[in-house]
Protein backbone atom coordinates (compact mmCIF):
# COMPACT_ATOMS: atom_id res chain seq x y z
CA UNK A 1 0.00 0.00 0.00
CA UNK A 2 1.31 3.40 -1.00
CA UNK A 3 -0.06 6.92 -1.08
CA UNK A 4 0.11 10.00 -3.24
CA UNK A 5 -0.21 13.00 -0.94
CA UNK A 6 -0.71 16.72 -1.45
CA UNK A 7 0.40 19.19 1.21
CA UNK A 8 -0.53 22.85 1.51
CA UNK A 9 1.25 25.71 3.26
CA UNK A 10 -0.92 28.69 4.08
CA UNK A 11 2.22 30.73 4.81
CA UNK A 12 3.51 30.17 1.26
CA UNK A 13 0.12 29.66 -0.39
CA UNK A 14 1.73 26.72 -2.21
CA UNK A 15 1.12 23.00 -2.67
CA UNK A 16 3.59 20.14 -2.52
CA UNK A 17 3.00 16.71 -4.03
CA UNK A 18 4.77 13.53 -2.95
CA UNK A 19 4.45 9.79 -2.40
CA UNK A 20 4.99 7.65 0.67
CA UNK A 21 3.77 4.53 2.49
CA UNK A 22 2.72 6.75 5.47
CA UNK A 23 1.54 10.32 4.76
CA UNK A 24 1.16 11.27 8.44
CA UNK A 25 4.77 10.42 9.27
CA UNK A 26 5.93 12.16 6.09
CA UNK A 27 3.99 15.31 7.02
CA UNK A 28 5.75 15.38 10.38
CA UNK A 29 9.14 15.02 8.67
CA UNK A 30 8.37 17.89 6.27
CA UNK A 31 7.27 20.21 9.09
CA UNK A 32 10.41 19.38 11.10
CA UNK A 33 12.64 20.11 8.06
CA UNK A 34 14.00 16.56 7.97
CA UNK A 35 14.66 16.84 4.22
CA UNK A 36 17.45 19.43 4.20
CA UNK A 37 17.37 20.59 0.57
CA UNK A 38 13.64 20.11 0.03
CA UNK A 39 11.19 22.71 -1.22
CA UNK A 40 9.14 22.14 1.94
CA UNK A 41 11.88 23.69 4.11
CA UNK A 42 10.47 27.11 3.19
CA UNK A 43 7.59 26.64 5.66
CA UNK A 44 6.63 24.73 8.78
CA UNK A 45 2.84 24.87 8.50
CA UNK A 46 2.25 22.11 5.95
CA UNK A 47 -1.07 20.29 6.20
CA UNK A 48 -2.38 17.30 4.28
CA UNK A 49 -5.02 18.22 1.72
CA UNK A 50 -5.17 14.81 0.01
CA UNK A 51 -4.16 11.23 0.75
CA UNK A 52 -4.80 8.97 -2.24
CA UNK A 53 -4.13 5.28 -1.71
CA UNK A 54 -2.64 3.28 -4.57
CA UNK A 55 -1.93 -0.42 -4.88
CA UNK A 56 1.76 0.11 -5.60
CA UNK A 57 4.61 2.56 -5.21
CA UNK A 58 4.89 2.59 -9.00
CA UNK A 59 1.36 4.02 -9.34
CA UNK A 60 1.92 6.60 -6.59
CA UNK A 61 5.14 7.78 -8.27
CA UNK A 62 3.39 7.88 -11.64
CA UNK A 63 0.63 10.11 -10.22
CA UNK A 64 3.15 12.33 -8.44
CA UNK A 65 5.07 12.91 -11.68
CA UNK A 66 1.84 13.41 -13.62
CA UNK A 67 0.66 16.14 -11.25
CA UNK A 68 4.06 17.84 -11.12
CA UNK A 69 4.24 17.88 -14.92
CA UNK A 70 0.91 19.70 -15.05
CA UNK A 71 2.53 22.65 -13.19
CA UNK A 72 -0.93 23.90 -12.31
CA UNK A 73 -2.28 25.03 -8.96
CA UNK A 74 -5.78 24.90 -10.45
CA UNK A 75 -5.30 21.27 -11.46
CA UNK A 76 -4.08 20.37 -7.96
CA UNK A 77 -7.13 22.03 -6.43
CA UNK A 78 -9.36 20.18 -8.90
CA UNK A 79 -7.79 16.86 -7.84
CA UNK A 80 -8.22 17.73 -4.15
CA UNK A 81 -11.92 18.43 -4.76
CA UNK A 82 -12.41 15.35 -6.95
CA UNK A 83 -9.82 12.61 -6.30
CA UNK A 84 -11.60 10.30 -8.77
CA UNK A 85 -9.61 12.17 -11.43
CA UNK A 86 -6.59 10.17 -10.25
CA UNK A 87 -8.42 6.89 -10.84
CA UNK A 88 -9.14 8.05 -14.38
CA UNK A 89 -5.47 8.89 -14.92
CA UNK A 90 -4.44 5.42 -13.74
CA UNK A 91 -7.10 3.73 -15.93
CA UNK A 92 -5.81 5.53 -19.02
CA UNK A 93 -2.29 4.41 -18.16
CA UNK A 94 -3.22 0.72 -18.20
């Protein structure tokens, strides 16, 4: 079991997309600046806006890259409001 997750920082008004087997632990690591050169070091108020469970790490990574390639805050907000979009993306991949 693996997850795609989307974090939001109100301080930065920015989103961050990642993948992990445990989004709650990963959120804690981001807020404590565990990842020294990461984009998330710019804030300490990250909150989880979406946890999307996938059946494999491969699918979670695929979705992460797909979202990052879109380079669109509007698309991220659309996914947060309707996570079924991610199922459609995975179905088209198959």
